[in-house]
Amino acid sequence: GDDVGVDIGSISVTSRVRVEGDDP
């Protein structure tokens, strides 16, 4: 994105399972 001239920000996406069998 820098090379083009477009700013692209950073993000952290975390995924964890609280109880086995549940959706993360």
PDB file of all heavy atoms in Angstrom:
ATOM      1  N   GLY A   1       0.821  -1.203   0.000  1.00  0.00           N
ATOM      2  CA  GLY A   1       0.000   0.000   0.000  1.00  0.00           C
ATOM      3  C   GLY A   1       0.857   1.255   0.000  1.00  0.00           C
ATOM      4  O   GLY A   1       0.563   2.227  -0.698  1.00  0.00           O
ATOM      5  N   ASP A   2       1.946   1.225   0.777  1.00  0.00           N
ATOM      6  CA  ASP A   2       2.882   2.362   0.797  1.00  0.00           C
ATOM      7  C   ASP A   2       3.426   2.639  -0.598  1.00  0.00           C
ATOM      8  O   ASP A   2       3.564   3.794  -1.011  1.00  0.00           O
ATOM      9  CB  ASP A   2       4.044   2.072   1.749  1.00  0.00           C
ATOM     10  CG  ASP A   2       3.627   2.059   3.220  1.00  0.00           C
ATOM     11  OD1 ASP A   2       2.545   2.612   3.527  1.00  0.00           O
ATOM     12  OD2 ASP A   2       4.382   1.507   4.039  1.00  0.00           O
ATOM     13  N   ASP A   3       3.750   1.565  -1.326  1.00  0.00           N
ATOM     14  CA  ASP A   3       4.316   1.722  -2.668  1.00  0.00           C
ATOM     15  C   ASP A   3       3.338   2.421  -3.610  1.00  0.00           C
ATOM     16  O   ASP A   3       3.751   3.165  -4.500  1.00  0.00           O
ATOM     17  CB  ASP A   3       4.702   0.362  -3.245  1.00  0.00           C
ATOM     18  CG  ASP A   3       5.871  -0.282  -2.502  1.00  0.00           C
ATOM     19  OD1 ASP A   3       6.600   0.451  -1.800  1.00  0.00           O
ATOM     20  OD2 ASP A   3       6.036  -1.513  -2.610  1.00  0.00           O
ATOM     21  N   VAL A   4       2.034   2.153  -3.395  1.00  0.00           N
ATOM     22  CA  VAL A   4       1.009   2.765  -4.242  1.00  0.00           C
ATOM     23  C   VAL A   4       0.717   4.190  -3.795  1.00  0.00           C
ATOM     24  O   VAL A   4       0.388   5.061  -4.601  1.00  0.00           O
ATOM     25  CB  VAL A   4      -0.281   1.913  -4.197  1.00  0.00           C
ATOM     26  CG1 VAL A   4      -1.397   2.576  -4.990  1.00  0.00           C
ATOM     27  CG2 VAL A   4      -0.017   0.514  -4.715  1.00  0.00           C
ATOM     28  N   GLY A   5       0.842   4.445  -2.478  1.00  0.00           N
ATOM     29  CA  GLY A   5       0.472   5.734  -1.912  1.00  0.00           C
ATOM     30  C   GLY A   5      -0.817   5.678  -1.130  1.00  0.00           C
ATOM     31  O   GLY A   5      -1.456   6.704  -0.872  1.00  0.00           O
ATOM     32  N   VAL A   6      -1.217   4.463  -0.738  1.00  0.00           N
ATOM     33  CA  VAL A   6      -2.454   4.247   0.005  1.00  0.00           C
ATOM     34  C   VAL A   6      -2.107   3.739   1.397  1.00  0.00           C
ATOM     35  O   VAL A   6      -1.379   2.751   1.542  1.00  0.00           O
ATOM     36  CB  VAL A   6      -3.364   3.223  -0.713  1.00  0.00           C
ATOM     37  CG1 VAL A   6      -4.579   2.903   0.139  1.00  0.00           C
ATOM     38  CG2 VAL A   6      -3.793   3.748  -2.074  1.00  0.00           C
ATOM     39  N   ASP A   7      -2.603   4.425   2.411  1.00  0.00           N
ATOM     40  CA  ASP A   7      -2.338   4.003   3.785  1.00  0.00           C
ATOM     41  C   ASP A   7      -3.204   2.801   4.146  1.00  0.00           C
ATOM     42  O   ASP A   7      -4.429   2.828   3.968  1.00  0.00           O
ATOM     43  CB  ASP A   7      -2.628   5.146   4.761  1.00  0.00           C
ATOM     44  CG  ASP A   7      -1.548   6.213   4.718  1.00  0.00           C
ATOM     45  OD1 ASP A   7      -0.372   5.854   4.550  1.00  0.00           O
ATOM     46  OD2 ASP A   7      -1.890   7.400   4.844  1.00  0.00           O
ATOM     47  N   ILE A   8      -2.583   1.767   4.680  1.00  0.00           N
ATOM     48  CA  ILE A   8      -3.284   0.590   5.171  1.00  0.00           C
ATOM     49  C   ILE A   8      -2.850   0.381   6.611  1.00  0.00           C
ATOM     50  O   ILE A   8      -1.668   0.197   6.896  1.00  0.00           O
ATOM     51  CB  ILE A   8      -2.978  -0.649   4.320  1.00  0.00           C
ATOM     52  CG1 ILE A   8      -3.456  -0.415   2.878  1.00  0.00           C
ATOM     53  CG2 ILE A   8      -3.636  -1.886   4.901  1.00  0.00           C
ATOM     54  CD1 ILE A   8      -3.171  -1.557   1.942  1.00  0.00           C
ATOM     55  N   GLY A   9      -3.800   0.425   7.518  1.00  0.00           N
ATOM     56  CA  GLY A   9      -3.502   0.315   8.935  1.00  0.00           C
ATOM     57  C   GLY A   9      -3.344  -1.134   9.375  1.00  0.00           C
ATOM     58  O   GLY A   9      -3.569  -2.077   8.615  1.00  0.00           O
ATOM     59  N   SER A  10      -2.943  -1.315  10.607  1.00  0.00           N
ATOM     60  CA  SER A  10      -2.739  -2.658  11.152  1.00  0.00           C
ATOM     61  C   SER A  10      -3.903  -3.044  12.049  1.00  0.00           C
ATOM     62  O   SER A  10      -4.569  -2.193  12.643  1.00  0.00           O
ATOM     63  CB  SER A  10      -1.431  -2.716  11.946  1.00  0.00           C
ATOM     64  OG  SER A  10      -1.469  -1.814  13.033  1.00  0.00           O
ATOM     65  N   ILE A  11      -4.147  -4.341  12.128  1.00  0.00           N
ATOM     66  CA  ILE A  11      -5.203  -4.861  12.981  1.00  0.00           C
ATOM     67  C   ILE A  11      -4.778  -6.220  13.509  1.00  0.00           C
ATOM     68  O   ILE A  11      -4.038  -6.964  12.839  1.00  0.00           O
ATOM     69  CB  ILE A  11      -6.544  -4.980  12.223  1.00  0.00           C
ATOM     70  CG1 ILE A  11      -7.686  -5.244  13.212  1.00  0.00           C
ATOM     71  CG2 ILE A  11      -6.491  -6.064  11.148  1.00  0.00           C
ATOM     72  CD1 ILE A  11      -9.061  -5.086  12.599  1.00  0.00           C
ATOM     73  N   SER A  12      -5.203  -6.535  14.708  1.00  0.00           N
ATOM     74  CA  SER A  12      -4.984  -7.848  15.291  1.00  0.00           C
ATOM     75  C   SER A  12      -6.349  -8.487  15.519  1.00  0.00           C
ATOM     76  O   SER A  12      -7.222  -7.890  16.163  1.00  0.00           O
ATOM     77  CB  SER A  12      -4.228  -7.733  16.624  1.00  0.00           C
ATOM     78  OG  SER A  12      -4.110  -8.999  17.248  1.00  0.00           O
ATOM     79  N   VAL A  13      -6.536  -9.668  14.955  1.00  0.00           N
ATOM     80  CA  VAL A  13      -7.787 -10.403  15.115  1.00  0.00           C
ATOM     81  C   VAL A  13      -7.465 -11.703  15.838  1.00  0.00           C
ATOM     82  O   VAL A  13      -6.646 -12.495  15.366  1.00  0.00           O
ATOM     83  CB  VAL A  13      -8.451 -10.692  13.761  1.00  0.00           C
ATOM     84  CG1 VAL A  13      -9.759 -11.468  13.955  1.00  0.00           C
ATOM     85  CG2 VAL A  13      -8.727  -9.388  13.016  1.00  0.00           C
ATOM     86  N   THR A  14      -8.066 -11.908  16.988  1.00  0.00           N
ATOM     87  CA  THR A  14      -7.812 -13.118  17.765  1.00  0.00           C
ATOM     88  C   THR A  14      -9.064 -13.988  17.794  1.00  0.00           C
ATOM     89  O   THR A  14     -10.186 -13.494  17.753  1.00  0.00           O
ATOM     90  CB  THR A  14      -7.408 -12.784  19.206  1.00  0.00           C
ATOM     91  OG1 THR A  14      -8.465 -12.044  19.851  1.00  0.00           O
ATOM     92  CG2 THR A  14      -6.142 -11.939  19.223  1.00  0.00           C
ATOM     93  N   SER A  15      -8.852 -15.284  17.851  1.00  0.00           N
ATOM     94  CA  SER A  15      -9.952 -16.241  17.888  1.00  0.00           C
ATOM     95  C   SER A  15      -9.638 -17.301  18.920  1.00  0.00           C
ATOM     96  O   SER A  15      -8.563 -17.912  18.892  1.00  0.00           O
ATOM     97  CB  SER A  15     -10.134 -16.887  16.507  1.00  0.00           C
ATOM     98  OG  SER A  15     -11.152 -17.857  16.530  1.00  0.00           O
ATOM     99  N   ARG A  16     -10.558 -17.503  19.866  1.00  0.00           N
ATOM    100  CA  ARG A  16     -10.336 -18.538  20.877  1.00  0.00           C
ATOM    101  C   ARG A  16     -11.650 -19.209  21.234  1.00  0.00           C
ATOM    102  O   ARG A  16     -12.723 -18.599  21.160  1.00  0.00           O
ATOM    103  CB  ARG A  16      -9.687 -17.959  22.138  1.00  0.00           C
ATOM    104  CG  ARG A  16     -10.539 -16.979  22.922  1.00  0.00           C
ATOM    105  CD  ARG A  16      -9.733 -16.331  24.042  1.00  0.00           C
ATOM    106  NE  ARG A  16     -10.532 -15.407  24.836  1.00  0.00           N
ATOM    107  CZ  ARG A  16     -11.173 -15.741  25.956  1.00  0.00           C
ATOM    108  NH1 ARG A  16     -11.097 -16.988  26.409  1.00  0.00           N
ATOM    109  NH2 ARG A  16     -11.872 -14.850  26.625  1.00  0.00           N
ATOM    110  N   VAL A  17     -11.565 -20.475  21.611  1.00  0.00           N
ATOM    111  CA  VAL A  17     -12.734 -21.262  21.996  1.00  0.00           C
ATOM    112  C   VAL A  17     -12.805 -21.309  23.513  1.00  0.00           C
ATOM    113  O   VAL A  17     -11.862 -21.736  24.176  1.00  0.00           O
ATOM    114  CB  VAL A  17     -12.659 -22.690  21.408  1.00  0.00           C
ATOM    115  CG1 VAL A  17     -13.862 -23.507  21.869  1.00  0.00           C
ATOM    116  CG2 VAL A  17     -12.600 -22.643  19.899  1.00  0.00           C
ATOM    117  N   ARG A  18     -13.904 -20.837  24.072  1.00  0.00           N
ATOM    118  CA  ARG A  18     -14.055 -20.812  25.529  1.00  0.00           C
ATOM    119  C   ARG A  18     -14.412 -22.186  26.082  1.00  0.00           C
ATOM    120  O   ARG A  18     -13.872 -22.630  27.085  1.00  0.00           O
ATOM    121  CB  ARG A  18     -15.133 -19.798  25.916  1.00  0.00           C
ATOM    122  CG  ARG A  18     -14.765 -18.355  25.581  1.00  0.00           C
ATOM    123  CD  ARG A  18     -15.860 -17.405  25.942  1.00  0.00           C
ATOM    124  NE  ARG A  18     -15.480 -16.017  25.684  1.00  0.00           N
ATOM    125  CZ  ARG A  18     -16.286 -14.977  25.847  1.00  0.00           C
ATOM    126  NH1 ARG A  18     -17.535 -15.165  26.265  1.00  0.00           N
ATOM    127  NH2 ARG A  18     -15.856 -13.745  25.590  1.00  0.00           N
ATOM    128  N   VAL A  19     -15.351 -22.863  25.410  1.00  0.00           N
ATOM    129  CA  VAL A  19     -15.775 -24.201  25.818  1.00  0.00           C
ATOM    130  C   VAL A  19     -15.727 -25.100  24.598  1.00  0.00           C
ATOM    131  O   VAL A  19     -16.155 -24.698  23.512  1.00  0.00           O
ATOM    132  CB  VAL A  19     -17.202 -24.182  26.414  1.00  0.00           C
ATOM    133  CG1 VAL A  19     -17.630 -25.594  26.812  1.00  0.00           C
ATOM    134  CG2 VAL A  19     -17.281 -23.241  27.601  1.00  0.00           C
ATOM    135  N   GLU A  20     -15.209 -26.299  24.751  1.00  0.00           N
ATOM    136  CA  GLU A  20     -15.087 -27.211  23.626  1.00  0.00           C
ATOM    137  C   GLU A  20     -16.441 -27.427  22.958  1.00  0.00           C
ATOM    138  O   GLU A  20     -17.443 -27.684  23.605  1.00  0.00           O
ATOM    139  CB  GLU A  20     -14.517 -28.555  24.091  1.00  0.00           C
ATOM    140  CG  GLU A  20     -14.230 -29.517  22.946  1.00  0.00           C
ATOM    141  CD  GLU A  20     -13.570 -30.800  23.425  1.00  0.00           C
ATOM    142  OE1 GLU A  20     -13.256 -30.903  24.626  1.00  0.00           O
ATOM    143  OE2 GLU A  20     -13.384 -31.691  22.576  1.00  0.00           O
ATOM    144  N   GLY A  21     -16.444 -27.272  21.644  1.00  0.00           N
ATOM    145  CA  GLY A  21     -17.685 -27.431  20.891  1.00  0.00           C
ATOM    146  C   GLY A  21     -18.395 -26.125  20.605  1.00  0.00           C
ATOM    147  O   GLY A  21     -19.263 -26.066  19.741  1.00  0.00           O
ATOM    148  N   ASP A  22     -18.037 -25.056  21.347  1.00  0.00           N
ATOM    149  CA  ASP A  22     -18.647 -23.745  21.104  1.00  0.00           C
ATOM    150  C   ASP A  22     -18.022 -23.077  19.883  1.00  0.00           C
ATOM    151  O   ASP A  22     -16.928 -23.433  19.456  1.00  0.00           O
ATOM    152  CB  ASP A  22     -18.463 -22.829  22.320  1.00  0.00           C
ATOM    153  CG  ASP A  22     -19.411 -23.169  23.456  1.00  0.00           C
ATOM    154  OD1 ASP A  22     -20.266 -24.060  23.264  1.00  0.00           O
ATOM    155  OD2 ASP A  22     -19.288 -22.556  24.528  1.00  0.00           O
ATOM    156  N   ASP A  23     -18.733 -22.071  19.376  1.00  0.00           N
ATOM    157  CA  ASP A  23     -18.143 -21.242  18.327  1.00  0.00           C
ATOM    158  C   ASP A  23     -16.987 -20.449  18.920  1.00  0.00           C
ATOM    159  O   ASP A  23     -17.051 -20.014  20.073  1.00  0.00           O
ATOM    160  CB  ASP A  23     -19.180 -20.259  17.770  1.00  0.00           C
ATOM    161  CG  ASP A  23     -20.285 -20.948  16.994  1.00  0.00           C
ATOM    162  OD1 ASP A  23     -19.987 -21.949  16.313  1.00  0.00           O
ATOM    163  OD2 ASP A  23     -21.435 -20.494  17.071  1.00  0.00           O
ATOM    164  N   PRO A  24     -15.933 -20.227  18.146  1.00  0.00           N
ATOM    165  CA  PRO A  24     -14.828 -19.405  18.651  1.00  0.00           C
ATOM    166  C   PRO A  24     -15.269 -17.970  18.861  1.00  0.00           C
ATOM    167  O   PRO A  24     -16.135 -17.447  18.139  1.00  0.00           O
ATOM    168  CB  PRO A  24     -13.765 -19.510  17.550  1.00  0.00           C
ATOM    169  CG  PRO A  24     -14.536 -19.862  16.315  1.00  0.00           C
ATOM    170  CD  PRO A  24     -15.684 -20.698  16.769  1.00  0.00           C
TER     171      PRO A  24
END
